[in-house]
Amino acid sequence: MRKNAPALVSMIGLWLAPVMLLPGPASARSAASLRVEHDRLAYRFAESLEFELAASADQSIDDIILRYTIGSEAPRNRRIPEFEPGKRVVARHQEDLVRGQIPPASEIRWWWSLELADGSQVETEPQSLNYLDQRFDWELLDAPDLRVWWYDADPDFARSVQASAREALARLQALYGSEPGRRIDIVTFQSQADLRPALIDRGDTYESRLATLGARVADDILVLDAGTRSDEREEVLAHELSHIVLNLHLEEPYIDAPLWLDEGLAMYVEGPLDAEERAGLESAIRNDSLMSVRSLTSFPGDASLVILAYAESQDLISFLIESHGREALRELLDGIGSGEETPDEALERVYGYDQLALYQAYRAARGLPPALAPKADAATTRRGPALEDRGDRSALPLPCSGAGLLLIGTLALAIRHWLLID
């Protein structure tokens, strides 16, 4: 049930809350003298985080550092809170947020480091909470492999979502040859209006016309509009879980699969193309207007080509499986995922051709003549290693690696659904 107004959620420490000792002179004595009155995080969903620590000691508390993480493998953030040194302090820090910056259901974990007048240092025990939209009274169906968050529905709804997700994961394991290796959170909303604050802001014009039925918002979190088109729930779940499993299968965080592979696999697992997608693909084959594989390494800028991009990507995966089987596809994914091969190098090793030659082979399989050879394309999806995070960050981390590509992908998926709806 919805609440009338957003409420602040707090994690409050008890008087004499435990502290952790850090190396330093008289650390045991200093820790024993530190008294924590409260240690809390209050937030307004998609607006702000507000950390506050009240503590006292037998000597002056001269320095305080706040540290926190967002998500299971997120970098550590370091902040200097506002406070007045003294034997009793109240330290506060506020972070302003934008929509979609922190995925719903993310675990926020925080603790404080304090330096006392004698130079000793202590840390408070870490606190944590799950970040969820306070407009709703959330319920949780918990399991080691899948957690489903829901509201305004009975438990059978959550069990149905969990069962559909497990069926999709079984199909994905058979296709990819791997499991996620971690628990996945599925956060269900009952409408587009309910879901919107959890997504990156795309502007009123887009959002008044587009329907985003689901999106991968972190490495292990997906959001789902379970109410707008409930008949498509299983397809959307399979599609988004494919993105999660594939990206977890890639061993290095700086690797992104090309669009035709990532979206093609998601479409393949989702099931057969619908009538409009099939018609668009058949028209492109009939009129010899297919998009090259190179052009499908990212989403087309022309919204009218989005449906074809999805349909052709799925058909490319179908072609690879039909011609070489699933084992070869798994070898391709392993090669790209290792970070030691570019997509072209992995394709050449497994199939004997790069993306240019793949396009020619695909065209031939669909009864089309060879295409004119395009100019060499130096584009690659291999990127340099991620920069090491040393804790001094001026902004909150984006929800996941490749977050820019994730935004574009979510937008394109929304355009696809909008075009199919209209």
Protein backbone atom coordinates (compact mmCIF):
# COMPACT_ATOMS: atom_id res chain seq x y z
CA MET A 1 0.00 0.00 0.00
CA ARG A 2 1.24 3.47 -0.77
CA LYS A 3 2.08 5.82 2.03
CA ASN A 4 0.68 9.32 1.96
CA ALA A 5 4.07 11.00 1.94
CA PRO A 6 7.71 9.97 1.73
CA ALA A 7 9.21 9.16 5.10
CA LEU A 8 12.79 9.20 6.26
CA VAL A 9 14.31 5.79 6.97
CA SER A 10 16.97 5.56 9.67
CA MET A 11 19.38 3.03 11.07
CA ILE A 12 20.00 4.11 14.65
CA GLY A 13 22.90 2.91 16.75
CA LEU A 14 22.48 2.21 20.48
CA TRP A 15 24.20 4.03 23.30
CA LEU A 16 27.64 2.53 23.76
CA ALA A 17 27.42 1.04 20.27
CA PRO A 18 30.38 -1.20 19.37
CA VAL A 19 33.44 0.35 17.81
CA MET A 20 36.38 -1.18 15.98
CA LEU A 21 39.95 -0.53 17.09
CA LEU A 22 42.51 0.82 14.66
CA PRO A 23 46.28 0.67 15.22
CA GLY A 24 47.53 3.61 17.22
CA PRO A 25 48.60 4.69 20.70
CA ALA A 26 46.17 4.01 23.51
CA SER A 27 43.59 2.70 21.04
CA ALA A 28 41.97 0.34 23.56
CA ARG A 29 41.54 3.13 26.12
CA SER A 30 40.21 5.50 23.44
CA ALA A 31 37.73 2.97 22.12
CA ALA A 32 36.45 2.26 25.59
CA SER A 33 35.85 5.97 26.17
CA LEU A 34 33.92 6.53 22.91
CA ARG A 35 30.16 6.58 23.31
CA VAL A 36 27.91 6.52 20.25
CA GLU A 37 24.53 8.13 20.85
CA HIS A 38 23.20 7.50 17.37
CA ASP A 39 24.53 6.52 13.96
CA ARG A 40 21.97 6.85 11.20
CA LEU A 41 21.29 7.33 7.55
CA ALA A 42 18.10 9.06 6.45
CA TYR A 43 17.24 9.39 2.79
CA ARG A 44 14.67 10.71 0.37
CA PHE A 45 14.48 8.35 -2.58
CA ALA A 46 16.15 9.78 -5.70
CA GLU A 47 16.75 13.07 -3.85
CA SER A 48 19.30 12.86 -1.04
CA LEU A 49 21.24 10.84 1.54
CA GLU A 50 21.74 12.31 5.01
CA PHE A 51 24.29 10.68 7.32
CA GLU A 52 24.52 11.66 11.00
CA LEU A 53 26.69 10.51 13.90
CA ALA A 54 26.40 11.73 17.49
CA ALA A 55 29.24 10.56 19.74
CA SER A 56 31.24 11.62 22.77
CA ALA A 57 34.58 10.76 24.37
CA ASP A 58 36.69 11.61 27.41
CA GLN A 59 38.98 13.67 25.17
CA SER A 60 38.43 15.86 22.15
CA ILE A 61 37.33 14.23 18.90
CA ASP A 62 39.43 16.16 16.39
CA ASP A 63 38.80 14.48 13.04
CA ILE A 64 35.98 12.41 11.50
CA ILE A 65 35.78 10.64 8.15
CA LEU A 66 32.64 9.03 6.73
CA ARG A 67 33.04 5.99 4.49
CA TYR A 68 30.28 4.18 2.64
CA THR A 69 29.64 1.77 -0.19
CA ILE A 70 26.65 1.22 -2.47
CA GLY A 71 26.12 -2.29 -3.79
CA SER A 72 27.94 -5.56 -3.36
CA GLU A 73 31.13 -4.65 -5.23
CA ALA A 74 30.96 -0.88 -5.30
CA PRO A 75 33.99 1.34 -4.63
CA ARG A 76 34.43 2.83 -1.20
CA ASN A 77 33.42 6.49 -0.91
CA ARG A 78 35.17 8.86 1.49
CA ARG A 79 33.57 12.06 2.76
CA ILE A 80 34.51 14.76 5.27
CA PRO A 81 31.40 15.56 7.34
CA GLU A 82 30.56 18.87 8.97
CA PHE A 83 31.18 18.94 12.73
CA GLU A 84 32.72 20.99 15.54
CA PRO A 85 35.66 19.26 17.30
CA GLY A 86 35.12 18.59 20.98
CA LYS A 87 34.38 15.91 23.53
CA ARG A 88 30.87 15.58 22.09
CA VAL A 89 30.28 15.87 18.36
CA VAL A 90 27.40 15.67 15.92
CA ALA A 91 28.77 14.96 12.44
CA ARG A 92 26.55 15.34 9.39
CA HIS A 93 26.95 14.80 5.67
CA GLN A 94 24.38 15.17 2.89
CA GLU A 95 24.64 13.83 -0.67
CA ASP A 96 22.27 15.18 -3.30
CA LEU A 97 21.06 12.53 -5.73
CA VAL A 98 19.66 12.41 -9.23
CA ARG A 99 17.15 9.90 -10.49
CA GLY A 100 18.58 6.47 -11.16
CA GLN A 101 21.87 7.22 -9.41
CA ILE A 102 21.35 4.52 -6.79
CA PRO A 103 19.47 1.41 -7.94
CA PRO A 104 16.55 0.38 -5.72
CA ALA A 105 17.30 -2.50 -3.33
CA SER A 106 20.99 -1.53 -3.24
CA GLU A 107 22.62 -2.11 0.11
CA ILE A 108 24.15 1.10 1.46
CA ARG A 109 26.81 0.32 4.06
CA TRP A 110 28.53 3.05 6.08
CA TRP A 111 30.88 3.62 9.02
CA TRP A 112 32.87 6.47 10.60
CA SER A 113 36.57 6.85 11.45
CA LEU A 114 37.33 9.15 14.38
CA GLU A 115 40.67 10.55 15.51
CA LEU A 116 41.02 11.62 19.12
CA ALA A 117 43.25 14.27 20.65
CA ASP A 118 45.94 11.74 21.64
CA GLY A 119 46.24 10.59 18.00
CA SER A 120 44.40 7.30 18.45
CA GLN A 121 41.77 6.26 15.92
CA VAL A 122 38.59 4.22 16.18
CA GLU A 123 35.91 3.14 13.73
CA THR A 124 32.25 2.61 14.38
CA GLU A 125 30.70 -0.72 13.47
CA PRO A 126 29.33 -0.71 9.90
CA GLN A 127 25.60 -0.09 9.53
CA SER A 128 23.55 -0.95 6.46
CA LEU A 129 20.14 -0.62 4.87
CA ASN A 130 18.44 -1.43 1.58
CA TYR A 131 17.58 1.65 -0.45
CA LEU A 132 13.92 1.52 -1.54
CA ASP A 133 11.26 4.02 -2.60
CA GLN A 134 9.47 5.07 0.58
CA ARG A 135 6.18 5.74 -1.20
CA PHE A 136 5.44 2.04 -0.89
CA ASP A 137 5.22 -0.56 1.87
CA TRP A 138 7.70 -3.09 0.52
CA GLU A 139 7.55 -6.82 1.12
CA LEU A 140 10.34 -9.27 0.41
CA LEU A 141 10.36 -12.84 -0.87
CA ASP A 142 13.86 -13.90 0.12
CA ALA A 143 15.89 -16.81 -1.26
CA PRO A 144 19.62 -17.51 -1.67
CA ASP A 145 19.43 -17.12 -5.47
CA LEU A 146 16.64 -14.59 -6.06
CA ARG A 147 15.02 -11.89 -3.97
CA VAL A 148 11.74 -10.34 -5.11
CA TRP A 149 10.66 -6.97 -3.70
CA TRP A 150 7.01 -6.07 -4.16
CA TYR A 151 4.05 -4.08 -2.82
CA ASP A 152 0.29 -3.82 -3.41
CA ALA A 153 0.01 -7.51 -4.30
CA ASP A 154 -0.37 -10.85 -2.55
CA PRO A 155 2.49 -13.31 -1.98
CA ASP A 156 1.40 -15.42 -4.95
CA PHE A 157 2.45 -12.56 -7.22
CA ALA A 158 5.99 -12.57 -5.80
CA ARG A 159 6.20 -16.35 -5.99
CA SER A 160 5.10 -16.21 -9.64
CA VAL A 161 7.82 -13.66 -10.48
CA GLN A 162 10.42 -15.75 -8.67
CA ALA A 163 9.34 -18.95 -10.46
CA SER A 164 9.43 -17.23 -13.88
CA ALA A 165 12.88 -15.86 -13.12
CA ARG A 166 14.19 -19.29 -12.15
CA GLU A 167 12.83 -20.78 -15.38
CA ALA A 168 14.58 -18.04 -17.36
CA LEU A 169 17.84 -18.58 -15.46
CA ALA A 170 17.71 -22.29 -16.26
CA ARG A 171 17.43 -21.47 -19.98
CA LEU A 172 20.26 -18.99 -19.67
CA GLN A 173 22.49 -21.53 -17.95
CA ALA A 174 21.90 -23.97 -20.80
CA LEU A 175 22.76 -21.27 -23.34
CA TYR A 176 25.72 -19.59 -21.61
CA GLY A 177 27.08 -22.54 -19.68
CA SER A 178 27.30 -20.48 -16.50
CA GLU A 179 25.22 -19.26 -13.58
CA PRO A 180 25.09 -15.74 -12.15
CA GLY A 181 27.20 -16.75 -9.16
CA ARG A 182 25.45 -14.29 -6.88
CA ARG A 183 21.98 -13.44 -5.66
CA ILE A 184 19.84 -11.31 -7.96
CA ASP A 185 17.34 -8.73 -6.75
CA ILE A 186 14.14 -8.16 -8.74
CA VAL A 187 12.34 -4.97 -7.75
CA THR A 188 8.77 -4.91 -9.04
CA PHE A 189 6.68 -1.79 -9.53
CA GLN A 190 2.98 -1.65 -10.35
CA SER A 191 3.01 1.12 -12.98
CA GLN A 192 5.19 3.35 -15.11
CA ALA A 193 4.61 6.25 -12.71
CA ASP A 194 5.76 4.11 -9.79
CA LEU A 195 8.84 2.87 -11.68
CA ARG A 196 9.99 6.19 -13.12
CA PRO A 197 11.93 7.60 -10.13
CA ALA A 198 14.08 4.44 -10.13
CA LEU A 199 15.28 5.14 -13.69
CA ILE A 200 17.64 7.72 -15.11
CA ASP A 201 15.73 10.87 -16.09
CA ARG A 202 15.21 11.04 -19.86
CA GLY A 203 12.98 14.11 -19.86
CA ASP A 204 9.23 14.64 -19.79
CA THR A 205 8.76 14.35 -23.55
CA TYR A 206 10.36 10.92 -23.80
CA GLU A 207 8.77 9.63 -20.64
CA SER A 208 5.28 10.68 -21.70
CA ARG A 209 5.62 8.48 -24.79
CA LEU A 210 7.89 5.60 -23.81
CA ALA A 211 7.17 2.49 -21.79
CA THR A 212 10.16 0.93 -20.03
CA LEU A 213 8.91 -2.47 -18.95
CA GLY A 214 12.17 -3.59 -17.37
CA ALA A 215 15.81 -2.63 -17.02
CA ARG A 216 19.07 -3.91 -15.59
CA VAL A 217 20.04 -1.11 -13.22
CA ALA A 218 23.05 -2.78 -11.56
CA ASP A 219 25.17 -5.88 -12.00
CA ASP A 220 22.72 -7.89 -9.89
CA ILE A 221 19.54 -5.79 -9.78
CA LEU A 222 16.72 -5.42 -12.29
CA VAL A 223 13.55 -3.37 -12.07
CA LEU A 224 10.27 -4.52 -13.54
CA ASP A 225 7.01 -2.78 -14.39
CA ALA A 226 4.77 -5.67 -13.39
CA GLY A 227 1.50 -3.87 -13.97
CA THR A 228 1.47 -2.02 -17.30
CA ARG A 229 1.70 -5.07 -19.56
CA SER A 230 1.59 -8.04 -17.24
CA ASP A 231 1.13 -10.44 -20.17
CA GLU A 232 4.73 -9.69 -21.19
CA ARG A 233 6.21 -10.11 -17.72
CA GLU A 234 7.92 -13.44 -18.40
CA GLU A 235 9.47 -12.17 -21.65
CA VAL A 236 10.75 -9.00 -20.00
CA LEU A 237 12.17 -10.98 -17.07
CA ALA A 238 14.02 -13.33 -19.42
CA HIS A 239 15.35 -10.41 -21.47
CA GLU A 240 16.71 -8.47 -18.50
CA LEU A 241 18.08 -11.54 -16.74
CA SER A 242 20.02 -12.31 -19.91
CA HIS A 243 21.76 -8.94 -19.61
CA ILE A 244 22.60 -9.67 -15.97
CA VAL A 245 23.92 -13.19 -16.59
CA LEU A 246 25.96 -12.15 -19.63
CA ASN A 247 27.57 -9.21 -17.86
CA LEU A 248 28.40 -11.36 -14.84
CA HIS A 249 29.83 -13.96 -17.23
CA LEU A 250 32.28 -11.38 -18.58
CA GLU A 251 35.22 -11.68 -16.25
CA GLU A 252 36.51 -8.11 -16.38
CA PRO A 253 34.40 -5.09 -15.33
CA TYR A 254 35.68 -2.99 -18.25
CA ILE A 255 34.37 -5.37 -20.94
CA ASP A 256 31.14 -4.68 -22.81
CA ALA A 257 29.72 -7.14 -25.30
CA PRO A 258 28.76 -5.59 -28.65
CA LEU A 259 25.09 -4.72 -28.95
CA TRP A 260 24.26 -7.43 -31.48
CA LEU A 261 25.60 -10.05 -29.07
CA ASP A 262 24.16 -8.66 -25.82
CA GLU A 263 20.73 -7.73 -27.17
CA GLY A 264 20.66 -10.63 -29.59
CA LEU A 265 21.09 -13.12 -26.76
CA ALA A 266 18.46 -11.33 -24.66
CA MET A 267 16.01 -11.41 -27.57
CA TYR A 268 16.82 -15.06 -28.28
CA VAL A 269 16.07 -16.05 -24.68
CA GLU A 270 12.96 -13.87 -24.64
CA GLY A 271 11.43 -16.06 -27.34
CA PRO A 272 10.23 -15.76 -30.96
CA LEU A 273 9.98 -12.34 -32.54
CA ASP A 274 6.53 -10.84 -32.43
CA ALA A 275 4.63 -10.10 -35.63
CA GLU A 276 5.91 -6.54 -36.05
CA GLU A 277 9.51 -7.46 -35.37
CA ARG A 278 9.30 -10.40 -37.76
CA ALA A 279 7.72 -8.21 -40.45
CA GLY A 280 10.45 -5.59 -40.05
CA LEU A 281 13.21 -8.17 -40.35
CA GLU A 282 11.64 -9.84 -43.38
CA SER A 283 11.19 -6.45 -45.05
CA ALA A 284 14.86 -5.61 -44.48
CA ILE A 285 15.91 -8.95 -45.98
CA ARG A 286 13.54 -8.55 -48.92
CA ASN A 287 14.72 -4.99 -49.63
CA ASP A 288 18.39 -5.73 -48.87
CA SER A 289 18.43 -3.09 -46.14
CA LEU A 290 19.90 -5.10 -43.28
CA MET A 291 22.22 -3.28 -40.89
CA SER A 292 25.85 -4.38 -40.94
CA VAL A 293 27.19 -6.23 -37.91
CA ARG A 294 29.65 -3.39 -37.37
CA SER A 295 26.79 -0.89 -37.19
CA LEU A 296 25.10 -3.10 -34.60
CA THR A 297 27.92 -2.76 -32.09
CA SER A 298 25.87 0.13 -30.61
CA PHE A 299 22.28 1.31 -30.80
CA PRO A 300 21.22 3.20 -33.94
CA GLY A 301 20.65 6.91 -33.53
CA ASP A 302 17.50 6.69 -35.66
CA ALA A 303 14.57 5.55 -33.50
CA SER A 304 12.87 4.03 -36.55
CA LEU A 305 15.70 1.46 -36.75
CA VAL A 306 15.45 0.27 -33.15
CA ILE A 307 13.00 -2.56 -33.86
CA LEU A 308 15.16 -3.78 -36.75
CA ALA A 309 18.28 -3.59 -34.56
CA TYR A 310 16.67 -5.88 -31.99
CA ALA A 311 15.18 -8.27 -34.54
CA GLU A 312 18.35 -8.55 -36.62
CA SER A 313 20.49 -9.04 -33.52
CA GLN A 314 18.28 -11.94 -32.49
CA ASP A 315 18.47 -13.37 -36.00
CA LEU A 316 22.28 -13.16 -35.94
CA ILE A 317 22.34 -15.25 -32.76
CA SER A 318 19.92 -17.72 -34.35
CA PHE A 319 22.24 -17.94 -37.37
CA LEU A 320 25.31 -18.64 -35.21
CA ILE A 321 23.50 -21.34 -33.24
CA GLU A 322 21.97 -22.91 -36.36
CA SER A 323 25.30 -22.98 -38.19
CA HIS A 324 27.74 -23.87 -35.40
CA GLY A 325 25.76 -24.91 -32.32
CA ARG A 326 25.60 -23.66 -28.76
CA GLU A 327 29.03 -24.91 -27.74
CA ALA A 328 30.70 -22.58 -30.23
CA LEU A 329 28.62 -19.70 -28.89
CA ARG A 330 29.81 -20.46 -25.37
CA GLU A 331 33.42 -20.47 -26.62
CA LEU A 332 32.81 -17.04 -28.14
CA LEU A 333 31.43 -15.68 -24.87
CA ASP A 334 34.33 -17.17 -22.92
CA GLY A 335 36.84 -15.60 -25.31
CA ILE A 336 35.32 -12.13 -25.07
CA GLY A 337 34.73 -12.49 -21.35
CA SER A 338 38.35 -13.32 -20.60
CA GLY A 339 39.41 -9.84 -21.69
CA GLU A 340 42.22 -11.35 -23.75
CA GLU A 341 40.39 -11.21 -27.09
CA THR A 342 38.39 -8.56 -28.90
CA PRO A 343 35.06 -9.68 -30.38
CA ASP A 344 36.74 -9.94 -33.81
CA GLU A 345 39.58 -12.06 -32.42
CA ALA A 346 37.18 -14.36 -30.59
CA LEU A 347 34.98 -14.68 -33.69
CA GLU A 348 37.96 -15.55 -35.87
CA ARG A 349 39.20 -18.18 -33.43
CA VAL A 350 35.81 -19.85 -32.94
CA TYR A 351 34.05 -19.32 -36.28
CA GLY A 352 36.83 -18.42 -38.66
CA TYR A 353 35.62 -14.91 -39.48
CA ASP A 354 35.47 -11.44 -37.95
CA GLN A 355 32.40 -9.20 -37.72
CA LEU A 356 32.71 -8.10 -41.36
CA ALA A 357 32.86 -11.69 -42.57
CA LEU A 358 30.07 -12.66 -40.16
CA TYR A 359 27.83 -10.14 -41.89
CA GLN A 360 28.62 -11.64 -45.29
CA ALA A 361 27.96 -15.19 -44.03
CA TYR A 362 24.71 -14.09 -42.43
CA ARG A 363 23.59 -12.38 -45.62
CA ALA A 364 24.35 -15.49 -47.64
CA ALA A 365 22.34 -17.63 -45.20
CA ARG A 366 19.39 -15.30 -45.73
CA GLY A 367 19.67 -15.47 -49.51
CA LEU A 368 21.34 -12.11 -50.10
CA PRO A 369 24.38 -11.37 -52.29
CA PRO A 370 27.66 -10.21 -50.74
CA ALA A 371 27.60 -6.63 -49.50
CA LEU A 372 30.09 -4.08 -50.69
CA ALA A 373 33.02 -4.18 -48.30
CA PRO A 374 32.83 -1.19 -45.93
CA LYS A 375 35.90 0.72 -44.88
CA ALA A 376 37.91 -0.81 -42.07
CA ASP A 377 36.45 0.06 -38.71
CA ALA A 378 38.82 0.52 -35.83
CA ALA A 379 36.05 0.45 -33.27
CA THR A 380 36.36 -2.14 -30.54
CA THR A 381 34.51 -2.96 -27.37
CA ARG A 382 37.70 -3.60 -25.44
CA ARG A 383 38.41 -0.74 -23.07
CA GLY A 384 41.30 -0.04 -20.79
CA PRO A 385 41.21 -1.23 -17.19
CA ALA A 386 39.01 0.72 -14.82
CA LEU A 387 40.78 3.41 -12.80
CA GLU A 388 41.63 2.39 -9.27
CA ASP A 389 39.35 4.02 -6.75
CA ARG A 390 41.27 5.40 -3.79
CA GLY A 391 38.29 6.53 -1.79
CA ASP A 392 38.37 10.25 -2.58
CA ARG A 393 35.44 10.59 -4.94
CA SER A 394 33.70 13.83 -5.77
CA ALA A 395 30.48 12.16 -6.85
CA LEU A 396 28.53 9.00 -6.13
CA PRO A 397 29.32 6.01 -8.34
CA LEU A 398 27.05 5.25 -11.24
CA PRO A 399 24.90 2.17 -10.72
CA CYS A 400 27.14 -0.24 -12.62
CA SER A 401 30.07 -0.52 -14.94
CA GLY A 402 29.29 0.63 -18.46
CA ALA A 403 26.58 2.86 -17.01
CA GLY A 404 26.55 5.13 -20.04
CA LEU A 405 25.91 2.18 -22.31
CA LEU A 406 23.29 0.95 -19.88
CA LEU A 407 21.44 4.27 -20.18
CA ILE A 408 21.51 4.08 -23.97
CA GLY A 409 20.39 0.47 -23.89
CA THR A 410 17.52 1.22 -21.53
CA LEU A 411 16.43 4.12 -23.74
CA ALA A 412 16.54 1.98 -26.87
CA LEU A 413 14.58 -0.78 -25.17
CA ALA A 414 11.99 1.79 -24.14
CA ILE A 415 11.78 3.06 -27.72
CA ARG A 416 11.31 -0.50 -28.92
CA HIS A 417 8.43 -1.07 -26.51
CA TRP A 418 6.89 2.29 -27.40
CA LEU A 419 6.99 1.53 -31.11
CA LEU A 420 5.48 -1.89 -30.49
CA ILE A 421 2.74 -0.40 -28.31
CA ASP A 422 1.82 2.25 -30.85
